[in-house]
Amino acid sequence: MASSSHLRARRFRPRAQLSPLAQARTTVRRSLRVTLLLSGIPRANVRFCRARAEKAVHCARLSVTHMIDDRLDVHRALYPQVAHLFLFGVQTEPVPDRVWHTATRPEVETAVAATLLAQP
């Protein structure tokens, strides 16, 4: 005789599914919690945008001076509003001179630190 949990799993499995969107949102929430925990960034300081161009609105509102992102189109939307743009990771298209291309986390940290040390 099968256990009741086995019967429930077999009975509901075909109907108990997460959509790709729900799976992605769950993954993002889990990643965000870990990132906030490790970085010490308060949850109130986190912003989300449905469109990449919306990042410019948040940056203006918050007087953001540095942006790290892996998408060149984000940096295009933020220039010249944000003074220090850091493009993270491997890129397939040429990177404009106004954007610092940083392939690794240590490179990002070094580049950001250099701009902070140069400020009066």
PDB file of N, CA and C in Angstrom:
ATOM      1  N   MET A   1       0.841  -1.177   0.000  1.00  0.00           N
ATOM      2  CA  MET A   1       0.000   0.000   0.000  1.00  0.00           C
ATOM      3  C   MET A   1       0.888   1.244   0.000  1.00  0.00           C
ATOM      4  N   ALA A   2       0.515   2.238  -0.776  1.00  0.00           N
ATOM      5  CA  ALA A   2       1.285   3.469  -0.888  1.00  0.00           C
ATOM      6  C   ALA A   2       0.979   4.394   0.275  1.00  0.00           C
ATOM      7  N   SER A   3       1.988   5.163   0.665  1.00  0.00           N
ATOM      8  CA  SER A   3       1.780   6.126   1.750  1.00  0.00           C
ATOM      9  C   SER A   3       0.918   7.282   1.254  1.00  0.00           C
ATOM     10  N   SER A   4       0.311   7.995   2.212  1.00  0.00           N
ATOM     11  CA  SER A   4      -0.555   9.121   1.826  1.00  0.00           C
ATOM     12  C   SER A   4       0.251  10.231   1.167  1.00  0.00           C
ATOM     13  N   SER A   5       1.501  10.460   1.608  1.00  0.00           N
ATOM     14  CA  SER A   5       2.308  11.511   0.980  1.00  0.00           C
ATOM     15  C   SER A   5       2.646  11.130  -0.459  1.00  0.00           C
ATOM     16  N   HIS A   6       2.889   9.839  -0.688  1.00  0.00           N
ATOM     17  CA  HIS A   6       3.170   9.387  -2.047  1.00  0.00           C
ATOM     18  C   HIS A   6       1.943   9.601  -2.934  1.00  0.00           C
ATOM     19  N   LEU A   7       0.760   9.280  -2.414  1.00  0.00           N
ATOM     20  CA  LEU A   7      -0.478   9.463  -3.182  1.00  0.00           C
ATOM     21  C   LEU A   7      -0.721  10.940  -3.485  1.00  0.00           C
ATOM     22  N   ARG A   8      -0.478  11.809  -2.491  1.00  0.00           N
ATOM     23  CA  ARG A   8      -0.661  13.243  -2.716  1.00  0.00           C
ATOM     24  C   ARG A   8       0.311  13.759  -3.768  1.00  0.00           C
ATOM     25  N   ALA A   9       1.563  13.339  -3.670  1.00  0.00           N
ATOM     26  CA  ALA A   9       2.562  13.794  -4.636  1.00  0.00           C
ATOM     27  C   ALA A   9       2.180  13.350  -6.039  1.00  0.00           C
ATOM     28  N   ARG A  10       1.747  12.103  -6.164  1.00  0.00           N
ATOM     29  CA  ARG A  10       1.365  11.585  -7.471  1.00  0.00           C
ATOM     30  C   ARG A  10       0.090  12.274  -7.968  1.00  0.00           C
ATOM     31  N   ARG A  11      -0.819  12.549  -7.066  1.00  0.00           N
ATOM     32  CA  ARG A  11      -2.104  13.158  -7.435  1.00  0.00           C
ATOM     33  C   ARG A  11      -1.953  14.611  -7.885  1.00  0.00           C
ATOM     34  N   PHE A  12      -1.121  15.393  -7.187  1.00  0.00           N
ATOM     35  CA  PHE A  12      -1.036  16.827  -7.465  1.00  0.00           C
ATOM     36  C   PHE A  12       0.155  17.229  -8.337  1.00  0.00           C
ATOM     37  N   ARG A  13       1.102  16.353  -8.524  1.00  0.00           N
ATOM     38  CA  ARG A  13       2.312  16.715  -9.268  1.00  0.00           C
ATOM     39  C   ARG A  13       2.012  17.344 -10.630  1.00  0.00           C
ATOM     40  N   PRO A  14       1.120  16.776 -11.443  1.00  0.00           N
ATOM     41  CA  PRO A  14       0.889  17.390 -12.754  1.00  0.00           C
ATOM     42  C   PRO A  14       0.320  18.803 -12.663  1.00  0.00           C
ATOM     43  N   ARG A  15      -0.370  19.105 -11.577  1.00  0.00           N
ATOM     44  CA  ARG A  15      -0.995  20.427 -11.458  1.00  0.00           C
ATOM     45  C   ARG A  15      -0.192  21.372 -10.579  1.00  0.00           C
ATOM     46  N   ALA A  16       0.742  20.866  -9.830  1.00  0.00           N
ATOM     47  CA  ALA A  16       1.515  21.702  -8.904  1.00  0.00           C
ATOM     48  C   ALA A  16       2.824  22.103  -9.565  1.00  0.00           C
ATOM     49  N   GLN A  17       2.767  23.184 -10.306  1.00  0.00           N
ATOM     50  CA  GLN A  17       3.952  23.654 -11.010  1.00  0.00           C
ATOM     51  C   GLN A  17       4.091  25.158 -10.832  1.00  0.00           C
ATOM     52  N   LEU A  18       5.327  25.580 -10.858  1.00  0.00           N
ATOM     53  CA  LEU A  18       5.604  27.015 -10.862  1.00  0.00           C
ATOM     54  C   LEU A  18       5.820  27.443 -12.303  1.00  0.00           C
ATOM     55  N   SER A  19       5.254  28.560 -12.655  1.00  0.00           N
ATOM     56  CA  SER A  19       5.499  29.091 -13.995  1.00  0.00           C
ATOM     57  C   SER A  19       6.954  29.548 -14.071  1.00  0.00           C
ATOM     58  N   PRO A  20       7.500  29.673 -15.268  1.00  0.00           N
ATOM     59  CA  PRO A  20       8.867  30.197 -15.386  1.00  0.00           C
ATOM     60  C   PRO A  20       9.024  31.561 -14.716  1.00  0.00           C
ATOM     61  N   LEU A  21       7.991  32.404 -14.808  1.00  0.00           N
ATOM     62  CA  LEU A  21       8.050  33.720 -14.168  1.00  0.00           C
ATOM     63  C   LEU A  21       8.106  33.585 -12.650  1.00  0.00           C
ATOM     64  N   ALA A  22       7.281  32.705 -12.078  1.00  0.00           N
ATOM     65  CA  ALA A  22       7.293  32.488 -10.626  1.00  0.00           C
ATOM     66  C   ALA A  22       8.632  31.908 -10.185  1.00  0.00           C
ATOM     67  N   GLN A  23       9.187  31.001 -10.973  1.00  0.00           N
ATOM     68  CA  GLN A  23      10.499  30.439 -10.645  1.00  0.00           C
ATOM     69  C   GLN A  23      11.561  31.529 -10.646  1.00  0.00           C
ATOM     70  N   ALA A  24      11.521  32.381 -11.656  1.00  0.00           N
ATOM     71  CA  ALA A  24      12.505  33.464 -11.746  1.00  0.00           C
ATOM     72  C   ALA A  24      12.370  34.431 -10.578  1.00  0.00           C
ATOM     73  N   ARG A  25      11.127  34.777 -10.228  1.00  0.00           N
ATOM     74  CA  ARG A  25      10.908  35.699  -9.102  1.00  0.00           C
ATOM     75  C   ARG A  25      11.382  35.091  -7.791  1.00  0.00           C
ATOM     76  N   THR A  26      11.145  33.805  -7.603  1.00  0.00           N
ATOM     77  CA  THR A  26      11.607  33.124  -6.392  1.00  0.00           C
ATOM     78  C   THR A  26      13.127  33.157  -6.324  1.00  0.00           C
ATOM     79  N   THR A  27      13.778  32.899  -7.437  1.00  0.00           N
ATOM     80  CA  THR A  27      15.239  32.920  -7.485  1.00  0.00           C
ATOM     81  C   THR A  27      15.769  34.312  -7.182  1.00  0.00           C
ATOM     82  N   VAL A  28      15.142  35.333  -7.740  1.00  0.00           N
ATOM     83  CA  VAL A  28      15.579  36.713  -7.499  1.00  0.00           C
ATOM     84  C   VAL A  28      15.411  37.074  -6.031  1.00  0.00           C
ATOM     85  N   ARG A  29      14.267  36.733  -5.441  1.00  0.00           N
ATOM     86  CA  ARG A  29      14.047  37.043  -4.017  1.00  0.00           C
ATOM     87  C   ARG A  29      15.091  36.365  -3.141  1.00  0.00           C
ATOM     88  N   ARG A  30      15.365  35.108  -3.432  1.00  0.00           N
ATOM     89  CA  ARG A  30      16.356  34.361  -2.652  1.00  0.00           C
ATOM     90  C   ARG A  30      17.734  35.000  -2.812  1.00  0.00           C
ATOM     91  N   SER A  31      18.102  35.353  -4.036  1.00  0.00           N
ATOM     92  CA  SER A  31      19.394  35.993  -4.291  1.00  0.00           C
ATOM     93  C   SER A  31      19.483  37.345  -3.603  1.00  0.00           C
ATOM     94  N   LEU A  32      18.387  38.105  -3.624  1.00  0.00           N
ATOM     95  CA  LEU A  32      18.373  39.415  -2.976  1.00  0.00           C
ATOM     96  C   LEU A  32      18.604  39.282  -1.480  1.00  0.00           C
ATOM     97  N   ARG A  33      17.935  38.338  -0.851  1.00  0.00           N
ATOM     98  CA  ARG A  33      18.122  38.151   0.599  1.00  0.00           C
ATOM     99  C   ARG A  33      19.578  37.847   0.922  1.00  0.00           C
ATOM    100  N   VAL A  34      20.201  36.986   0.144  1.00  0.00           N
ATOM    101  CA  VAL A  34      21.604  36.631   0.376  1.00  0.00           C
ATOM    102  C   VAL A  34      22.497  37.847   0.143  1.00  0.00           C
ATOM    103  N   THR A  35      22.253  38.577  -0.941  1.00  0.00           N
ATOM    104  CA  THR A  35      23.061  39.758  -1.253  1.00  0.00           C
ATOM    105  C   THR A  35      22.961  40.800  -0.148  1.00  0.00           C
ATOM    106  N   LEU A  36      21.754  41.074   0.323  1.00  0.00           N
ATOM    107  CA  LEU A  36      21.578  42.062   1.389  1.00  0.00           C
ATOM    108  C   LEU A  36      22.254  41.608   2.670  1.00  0.00           C
ATOM    109  N   LEU A  37      22.147  40.342   2.972  1.00  0.00           N
ATOM    110  CA  LEU A  37      22.770  39.804   4.177  1.00  0.00           C
ATOM    111  C   LEU A  37      24.286  39.954   4.108  1.00  0.00           C
ATOM    112  N   LEU A  38      24.874  39.599   2.976  1.00  0.00           N
ATOM    113  CA  LEU A  38      26.332  39.644   2.839  1.00  0.00           C
ATOM    114  C   LEU A  38      26.875  41.063   2.713  1.00  0.00           C
ATOM    115  N   SER A  39      26.113  41.955   2.078  1.00  0.00           N
ATOM    116  CA  SER A  39      26.618  43.305   1.822  1.00  0.00           C
ATOM    117  C   SER A  39      26.320  44.288   2.941  1.00  0.00           C
ATOM    118  N   GLY A  40      25.272  44.004   3.725  1.00  0.00           N
ATOM    119  CA  GLY A  40      24.869  44.935   4.763  1.00  0.00           C
ATOM    120  C   GLY A  40      24.025  46.091   4.247  1.00  0.00           C
ATOM    121  N   ILE A  41      23.627  46.052   2.974  1.00  0.00           N
ATOM    122  CA  ILE A  41      22.785  47.111   2.402  1.00  0.00           C
ATOM    123  C   ILE A  41      21.384  46.983   2.983  1.00  0.00           C
ATOM    124  N   PRO A  42      20.826  48.056   3.533  1.00  0.00           N
ATOM    125  CA  PRO A  42      19.460  47.993   4.063  1.00  0.00           C
ATOM    126  C   PRO A  42      18.451  47.734   2.943  1.00  0.00           C
ATOM    127  N   ARG A  43      17.439  46.942   3.227  1.00  0.00           N
ATOM    128  CA  ARG A  43      16.412  46.609   2.232  1.00  0.00           C
ATOM    129  C   ARG A  43      15.733  47.872   1.707  1.00  0.00           C
ATOM    130  N   ALA A  44      15.619  48.897   2.534  1.00  0.00           N
ATOM    131  CA  ALA A  44      14.980  50.150   2.117  1.00  0.00           C
ATOM    132  C   ALA A  44      15.781  50.870   1.027  1.00  0.00           C
ATOM    133  N   ASN A  45      17.050  50.528   0.875  1.00  0.00           N
ATOM    134  CA  ASN A  45      17.898  51.170  -0.132  1.00  0.00           C
ATOM    135  C   ASN A  45      17.884  50.442  -1.474  1.00  0.00           C
ATOM    136  N   VAL A  46      17.073  49.411  -1.608  1.00  0.00           N
ATOM    137  CA  VAL A  46      17.012  48.623  -2.841  1.00  0.00           C
ATOM    138  C   VAL A  46      15.849  49.118  -3.694  1.00  0.00           C
ATOM    139  N   ARG A  47      16.100  49.303  -4.985  1.00  0.00           N
ATOM    140  CA  ARG A  47      15.062  49.729  -5.927  1.00  0.00           C
ATOM    141  C   ARG A  47      14.962  48.707  -7.050  1.00  0.00           C
ATOM    142  N   PHE A  48      13.751  48.531  -7.568  1.00  0.00           N
ATOM    143  CA  PHE A  48      13.527  47.648  -8.708  1.00  0.00           C
ATOM    144  C   PHE A  48      12.912  48.438  -9.841  1.00  0.00           C
ATOM    145  N   CYS A  49      13.270  48.083 -11.053  1.00  0.00           N
ATOM    146  CA  CYS A  49      12.771  48.761 -12.249  1.00  0.00           C
ATOM    147  C   CYS A  49      12.249  47.721 -13.233  1.00  0.00           C
ATOM    148  N   ARG A  50      11.109  48.012 -13.828  1.00  0.00           N
ATOM    149  CA  ARG A  50      10.593  47.126 -14.879  1.00  0.00           C
ATOM    150  C   ARG A  50      11.293  47.413 -16.210  1.00  0.00           C
ATOM    151  N   ALA A  51      11.640  48.654 -16.444  1.00  0.00           N
ATOM    152  CA  ALA A  51      12.349  49.031 -17.669  1.00  0.00           C
ATOM    153  C   ALA A  51      13.708  49.591 -17.283  1.00  0.00           C
ATOM    154  N   ARG A  52      14.716  49.262 -18.073  1.00  0.00           N
ATOM    155  CA  ARG A  52      16.077  49.699 -17.744  1.00  0.00           C
ATOM    156  C   ARG A  52      16.195  51.222 -17.661  1.00  0.00           C
ATOM    157  N   ALA A  53      15.473  51.920 -18.507  1.00  0.00           N
ATOM    158  CA  ALA A  53      15.546  53.388 -18.498  1.00  0.00           C
ATOM    159  C   ALA A  53      15.046  53.976 -17.182  1.00  0.00           C
ATOM    160  N   GLU A  54      14.222  53.227 -16.436  1.00  0.00           N
ATOM    161  CA  GLU A  54      13.730  53.708 -15.136  1.00  0.00           C
ATOM    162  C   GLU A  54      14.861  53.874 -14.127  1.00  0.00           C
ATOM    163  N   LYS A  55      15.974  53.202 -14.354  1.00  0.00           N
ATOM    164  CA  LYS A  55      17.099  53.340 -13.427  1.00  0.00           C
ATOM    165  C   LYS A  55      17.568  54.790 -13.367  1.00  0.00           C
ATOM    166  N   ALA A  56      17.453  55.507 -14.468  1.00  0.00           N
ATOM    167  CA  ALA A  56      17.853  56.918 -14.486  1.00  0.00           C
ATOM    168  C   ALA A  56      17.008  57.731 -13.518  1.00  0.00           C
ATOM    169  N   VAL A  57      15.725  57.412 -13.419  1.00  0.00           N
ATOM    170  CA  VAL A  57      14.829  58.113 -12.490  1.00  0.00           C
ATOM    171  C   VAL A  57      15.282  57.869 -11.054  1.00  0.00           C
ATOM    172  N   HIS A  58      15.555  56.610 -10.719  1.00  0.00           N
ATOM    173  CA  HIS A  58      16.019  56.283  -9.365  1.00  0.00           C
ATOM    174  C   HIS A  58      17.361  56.953  -9.079  1.00  0.00           C
ATOM    175  N   CYS A  59      18.262  56.920 -10.046  1.00  0.00           N
ATOM    176  CA  CYS A  59      19.576  57.532  -9.847  1.00  0.00           C
ATOM    177  C   CYS A  59      19.462  59.032  -9.601  1.00  0.00           C
ATOM    178  N   ALA A  60      18.583  59.691 -10.328  1.00  0.00           N
ATOM    179  CA  ALA A  60      18.388  61.132 -10.134  1.00  0.00           C
ATOM    180  C   ALA A  60      17.813  61.410  -8.757  1.00  0.00           C
ATOM    181  N   ARG A  61      16.814  60.638  -8.374  1.00  0.00           N
ATOM    182  CA  ARG A  61      16.157  60.823  -7.078  1.00  0.00           C
ATOM    183  C   ARG A  61      17.132  60.612  -5.914  1.00  0.00           C
ATOM    184  N   LEU A  62      18.041  59.654  -6.085  1.00  0.00           N
ATOM    185  CA  LEU A  62      18.959  59.291  -5.001  1.00  0.00           C
ATOM    186  C   LEU A  62      20.331  59.952  -5.117  1.00  0.00           C
ATOM    187  N   SER A  63      20.545  60.760  -6.146  1.00  0.00           N
ATOM    188  CA  SER A  63      21.851  61.392  -6.405  1.00  0.00           C
ATOM    189  C   SER A  63      22.968  60.351  -6.494  1.00  0.00           C
ATOM    190  N   VAL A  64      22.708  59.306  -7.240  1.00  0.00           N
ATOM    191  CA  VAL A  64      23.683  58.221  -7.404  1.00  0.00           C
ATOM    192  C   VAL A  64      24.891  58.737  -8.181  1.00  0.00           C
ATOM    193  N   THR A  65      26.082  58.417  -7.703  1.00  0.00           N
ATOM    194  CA  THR A  65      27.315  58.838  -8.368  1.00  0.00           C
ATOM    195  C   THR A  65      28.039  57.683  -9.046  1.00  0.00           C
ATOM    196  N   HIS A  66      27.763  56.441  -8.618  1.00  0.00           N
ATOM    197  CA  HIS A  66      28.425  55.257  -9.161  1.00  0.00           C
ATOM    198  C   HIS A  66      27.374  54.205  -9.514  1.00  0.00           C
ATOM    199  N   MET A  67      27.532  53.578 -10.674  1.00  0.00           N
ATOM    200  CA  MET A  67      26.623  52.497 -11.069  1.00  0.00           C
ATOM    201  C   MET A  67      27.443  51.340 -11.625  1.00  0.00           C
ATOM    202  N   ILE A  68      27.172  50.156 -11.104  1.00  0.00           N
ATOM    203  CA  ILE A  68      27.776  48.925 -11.609  1.00  0.00           C
ATOM    204  C   ILE A  68      26.648  48.117 -12.230  1.00  0.00           C
ATOM    205  N   ASP A  69      26.791  47.776 -13.486  1.00  0.00           N
ATOM    206  CA  ASP A  69      25.769  46.981 -14.167  1.00  0.00           C
ATOM    207  C   ASP A  69      26.445  46.179 -15.269  1.00  0.00           C
ATOM    208  N   ASP A  70      25.815  45.080 -15.652  1.00  0.00           N
ATOM    209  CA  ASP A  70      26.390  44.246 -16.704  1.00  0.00           C
ATOM    210  C   ASP A  70      25.766  44.517 -18.071  1.00  0.00           C
ATOM    211  N   ARG A  71      24.908  45.529 -18.157  1.00  0.00           N
ATOM    212  CA  ARG A  71      24.224  45.840 -19.415  1.00  0.00           C
ATOM    213  C   ARG A  71      24.649  47.221 -19.920  1.00  0.00           C
ATOM    214  N   LEU A  72      25.165  47.252 -21.124  1.00  0.00           N
ATOM    215  CA  LEU A  72      25.607  48.514 -21.713  1.00  0.00           C
ATOM    216  C   LEU A  72      24.438  49.464 -21.948  1.00  0.00           C
ATOM    217  N   ASP A  73      23.256  48.932 -22.262  1.00  0.00           N
ATOM    218  CA  ASP A  73      22.097  49.804 -22.487  1.00  0.00           C
ATOM    219  C   ASP A  73      21.700  50.556 -21.218  1.00  0.00           C
ATOM    220  N   VAL A  74      21.952  49.978 -20.060  1.00  0.00           N
ATOM    221  CA  VAL A  74      21.692  50.683 -18.797  1.00  0.00           C
ATOM    222  C   VAL A  74      22.621  51.886 -18.687  1.00  0.00           C
ATOM    223  N   HIS A  75      23.894  51.682 -18.995  1.00  0.00           N
ATOM    224  CA  HIS A  75      24.859  52.781 -18.912  1.00  0.00           C
ATOM    225  C   HIS A  75      24.535  53.884 -19.921  1.00  0.00           C
ATOM    226  N   ARG A  76      24.053  53.489 -21.087  1.00  0.00           N
ATOM    227  CA  ARG A  76      23.645  54.501 -22.078  1.00  0.00           C
ATOM    228  C   ARG A  76      22.515  55.370 -21.525  1.00  0.00           C
ATOM    229  N   ALA A  77      21.593  54.756 -20.805  1.00  0.00           N
ATOM    230  CA  ALA A  77      20.458  55.498 -20.231  1.00  0.00           C
ATOM    231  C   ALA A  77      20.893  56.410 -19.088  1.00  0.00           C
ATOM    232  N   LEU A  78      21.987  56.075 -18.427  1.00  0.00           N
ATOM    233  CA  LEU A  78      22.427  56.838 -17.252  1.00  0.00           C
ATOM    234  C   LEU A  78      23.436  57.937 -17.571  1.00  0.00           C
ATOM    235  N   TYR A  79      24.027  57.894 -18.740  1.00  0.00           N
ATOM    236  CA  TYR A  79      25.014  58.903 -19.108  1.00  0.00           C
ATOM    237  C   TYR A  79      24.302  60.141 -19.628  1.00  0.00           C
ATOM    238  N   PRO A  80      24.693  61.343 -19.224  1.00  0.00           N
ATOM    239  CA  PRO A  80      25.794  61.748 -18.357  1.00  0.00           C
ATOM    240  C   PRO A  80      25.394  61.957 -16.900  1.00  0.00           C
ATOM    241  N   GLN A  81      24.193  61.547 -16.542  1.00  0.00           N
ATOM    242  CA  GLN A  81      23.668  61.788 -15.195  1.00  0.00           C
ATOM    243  C   GLN A  81      24.526  61.175 -14.089  1.00  0.00           C
ATOM    244  N   VAL A  82      24.985  59.937 -14.280  1.00  0.00           N
ATOM    245  CA  VAL A  82      25.801  59.254 -13.278  1.00  0.00           C
ATOM    246  C   VAL A  82      27.266  59.392 -13.698  1.00  0.00           C
ATOM    247  N   ALA A  83      28.077  59.917 -12.795  1.00  0.00           N
ATOM    248  CA  ALA A  83      29.462  60.246 -13.137  1.00  0.00           C
ATOM    249  C   ALA A  83      30.349  59.027 -13.359  1.00  0.00           C
ATOM    250  N   HIS A  84      30.154  57.977 -12.591  1.00  0.00           N
ATOM    251  CA  HIS A  84      31.048  56.817 -12.653  1.00  0.00           C
ATOM    252  C   HIS A  84      30.253  55.570 -13.033  1.00  0.00           C
ATOM    253  N   LEU A  85      30.462  55.116 -14.265  1.00  0.00           N
ATOM    254  CA  LEU A  85      29.745  53.953 -14.787  1.00  0.00           C
ATOM    255  C   LEU A  85      30.712  52.782 -14.925  1.00  0.00           C
ATOM    256  N   PHE A  86      30.351  51.649 -14.343  1.00  0.00           N
ATOM    257  CA  PHE A  86      31.193  50.456 -14.370  1.00  0.00           C
ATOM    258  C   PHE A  86      30.430  49.322 -15.037  1.00  0.00           C
ATOM    259  N   LEU A  87      30.947  48.875 -16.170  1.00  0.00           N
ATOM    260  CA  LEU A  87      30.338  47.780 -16.912  1.00  0.00           C
ATOM    261  C   LEU A  87      31.008  46.494 -16.466  1.00  0.00           C
ATOM    262  N   PHE A  88      30.209  45.592 -15.932  1.00  0.00           N
ATOM    263  CA  PHE A  88      30.741  44.382 -15.314  1.00  0.00           C
ATOM    264  C   PHE A  88      30.618  43.192 -16.257  1.00  0.00           C
ATOM    265  N   GLY A  89      31.644  42.362 -16.288  1.00  0.00           N
ATOM    266  CA  GLY A  89      31.578  41.089 -16.999  1.00  0.00           C
ATOM    267  C   GLY A  89      32.025  41.160 -18.448  1.00  0.00           C
ATOM    268  N   VAL A  90      31.955  39.999 -19.088  1.00  0.00           N
ATOM    269  CA  VAL A  90      32.354  39.861 -20.485  1.00  0.00           C
ATOM    270  C   VAL A  90      31.327  40.563 -21.367  1.00  0.00           C
ATOM    271  N   GLN A  91      31.806  41.321 -22.342  1.00  0.00           N
ATOM    272  CA  GLN A  91      30.919  42.071 -23.233  1.00  0.00           C
ATOM    273  C   GLN A  91      31.175  41.667 -24.681  1.00  0.00           C
ATOM    274  N   THR A  92      30.138  41.752 -25.500  1.00  0.00           N
ATOM    275  CA  THR A  92      30.262  41.360 -26.906  1.00  0.00           C
ATOM    276  C   THR A  92      30.370  42.556 -27.844  1.00  0.00           C
ATOM    277  N   GLU A  93      30.127  43.755 -27.334  1.00  0.00           N
ATOM    278  CA  GLU A  93      30.237  44.942 -28.177  1.00  0.00           C
ATOM    279  C   GLU A  93      31.239  45.915 -27.563  1.00  0.00           C
ATOM    280  N   PRO A  94      31.754  46.854 -28.361  1.00  0.00           N
ATOM    281  CA  PRO A  94      32.741  47.807 -27.843  1.00  0.00           C
ATOM    282  C   PRO A  94      32.186  48.625 -26.675  1.00  0.00           C
ATOM    283  N   VAL A  95      33.057  48.899 -25.728  1.00  0.00           N
ATOM    284  CA  VAL A  95      32.671  49.655 -24.535  1.00  0.00           C
ATOM    285  C   VAL A  95      33.111  51.111 -24.719  1.00  0.00           C
ATOM    286  N   PRO A  96      32.196  52.077 -24.569  1.00  0.00           N
ATOM    287  CA  PRO A  96      32.561  53.495 -24.723  1.00  0.00           C
ATOM    288  C   PRO A  96      33.621  53.920 -23.705  1.00  0.00           C
ATOM    289  N   ASP A  97      34.400  54.923 -24.066  1.00  0.00           N
ATOM    290  CA  ASP A  97      35.465  55.414 -23.184  1.00  0.00           C
ATOM    291  C   ASP A  97      34.939  55.911 -21.846  1.00  0.00           C
ATOM    292  N   ARG A  98      33.721  56.428 -21.822  1.00  0.00           N
ATOM    293  CA  ARG A  98      33.167  56.995 -20.583  1.00  0.00           C
ATOM    294  C   ARG A  98      32.777  55.923 -19.565  1.00  0.00           C
ATOM    295  N   VAL A  99      32.814  54.653 -19.965  1.00  0.00           N
ATOM    296  CA  VAL A  99      32.426  53.538 -19.091  1.00  0.00           C
ATOM    297  C   VAL A  99      33.666  52.719 -18.749  1.00  0.00           C
ATOM    298  N   TRP A 100      33.853  52.417 -17.462  1.00  0.00           N
ATOM    299  CA  TRP A 100      34.954  51.557 -17.034  1.00  0.00           C
ATOM    300  C   TRP A 100      34.516  50.112 -17.244  1.00  0.00           C
ATOM    301  N   HIS A 101      35.284  49.357 -18.017  1.00  0.00           N
ATOM    302  CA  HIS A 101      34.954  47.940 -18.206  1.00  0.00           C
ATOM    303  C   HIS A 101      35.720  47.124 -17.169  1.00  0.00           C
ATOM    304  N   THR A 102      34.991  46.447 -16.317  1.00  0.00           N
ATOM    305  CA  THR A 102      35.575  45.633 -15.250  1.00  0.00           C
ATOM    306  C   THR A 102      35.051  44.207 -15.397  1.00  0.00           C
ATOM    307  N   ALA A 103      35.946  43.274 -15.627  1.00  0.00           N
ATOM    308  CA  ALA A 103      35.536  41.897 -15.918  1.00  0.00           C
ATOM    309  C   ALA A 103      35.266  41.072 -14.666  1.00  0.00           C
ATOM    310  N   THR A 104      35.910  41.421 -13.562  1.00  0.00           N
ATOM    311  CA  THR A 104      35.793  40.602 -12.351  1.00  0.00           C
ATOM    312  C   THR A 104      35.401  41.464 -11.150  1.00  0.00           C
ATOM    313  N   ARG A 105      34.953  40.810 -10.101  1.00  0.00           N
ATOM    314  CA  ARG A 105      34.591  41.530  -8.876  1.00  0.00           C
ATOM    315  C   ARG A 105      35.780  42.310  -8.305  1.00  0.00           C
ATOM    316  N   PRO A 106      36.980  41.721  -8.211  1.00  0.00           N
ATOM    317  CA  PRO A 106      38.120  42.508  -7.709  1.00  0.00           C
ATOM    318  C   PRO A 106      38.416  43.742  -8.573  1.00  0.00           C
ATOM    319  N   GLU A 107      38.250  43.629  -9.894  1.00  0.00           N
ATOM    320  CA  GLU A 107      38.462  44.790 -10.764  1.00  0.00           C
ATOM    321  C   GLU A 107      37.444  45.891 -10.477  1.00  0.00           C
ATOM    322  N   VAL A 108      36.200  45.498 -10.239  1.00  0.00           N
ATOM    323  CA  VAL A 108      35.160  46.481  -9.899  1.00  0.00           C
ATOM    324  C   VAL A 108      35.528  47.185  -8.602  1.00  0.00           C
ATOM    325  N   GLU A 109      35.891  46.409  -7.588  1.00  0.00           N
ATOM    326  CA  GLU A 109      36.232  46.989  -6.286  1.00  0.00           C
ATOM    327  C   GLU A 109      37.402  47.958  -6.404  1.00  0.00           C
ATOM    328  N   THR A 110      38.421  47.580  -7.157  1.00  0.00           N
ATOM    329  CA  THR A 110      39.593  48.439  -7.337  1.00  0.00           C
ATOM    330  C   THR A 110      39.225  49.724  -8.071  1.00  0.00           C
ATOM    331  N   ALA A 111      38.427  49.601  -9.126  1.00  0.00           N
ATOM    332  CA  ALA A 111      38.038  50.775  -9.917  1.00  0.00           C
ATOM    333  C   ALA A 111      37.174  51.738  -9.109  1.00  0.00           C
ATOM    334  N   VAL A 112      36.209  51.207  -8.375  1.00  0.00           N
ATOM    335  CA  VAL A 112      35.348  52.067  -7.551  1.00  0.00           C
ATOM    336  C   VAL A 112      36.178  52.740  -6.467  1.00  0.00           C
ATOM    337  N   ALA A 113      37.041  51.976  -5.812  1.00  0.00           N
ATOM    338  CA  ALA A 113      37.895  52.543  -4.759  1.00  0.00           C
ATOM    339  C   ALA A 113      38.765  53.668  -5.311  1.00  0.00           C
ATOM    340  N   ALA A 114      39.282  53.507  -6.523  1.00  0.00           N
ATOM    341  CA  ALA A 114      40.126  54.543  -7.128  1.00  0.00           C
ATOM    342  C   ALA A 114      39.348  55.844  -7.315  1.00  0.00           C
ATOM    343  N   THR A 115      38.077  55.743  -7.702  1.00  0.00           N
ATOM    344  CA  THR A 115      37.289  56.970  -7.879  1.00  0.00           C
ATOM    345  C   THR A 115      36.958  57.608  -6.540  1.00  0.00           C
ATOM    346  N   LEU A 116      36.752  56.796  -5.530  1.00  0.00           N
ATOM    347  CA  LEU A 116      36.433  57.335  -4.202  1.00  0.00           C
ATOM    348  C   LEU A 116      37.645  58.007  -3.579  1.00  0.00           C
ATOM    349  N   LEU A 117      38.826  57.425  -3.773  1.00  0.00           N
ATOM    350  CA  LEU A 117      40.052  58.009  -3.230  1.00  0.00           C
ATOM    351  C   LEU A 117      40.409  59.310  -3.942  1.00  0.00           C
ATOM    352  N   ALA A 118      40.020  59.437  -5.204  1.00  0.00           N
ATOM    353  CA  ALA A 118      40.339  60.635  -5.982  1.00  0.00           C
ATOM    354  C   ALA A 118      39.434  61.812  -5.640  1.00  0.00           C
ATOM    355  N   GLN A 119      38.316  61.543  -4.971  1.00  0.00           N
ATOM    356  CA  GLN A 119      37.382  62.625  -4.635  1.00  0.00           C
ATOM    357  C   GLN A 119      37.905  63.420  -3.442  1.00  0.00           C
ATOM    358  N   PRO A 120      37.681  64.749  -3.470  1.00  0.00           N
ATOM    359  CA  PRO A 120      38.168  65.583  -2.353  1.00  0.00           C
ATOM    360  C   PRO A 120      37.402  65.341  -1.080  1.00  0.00           C
TER     361      PRO A 120
END
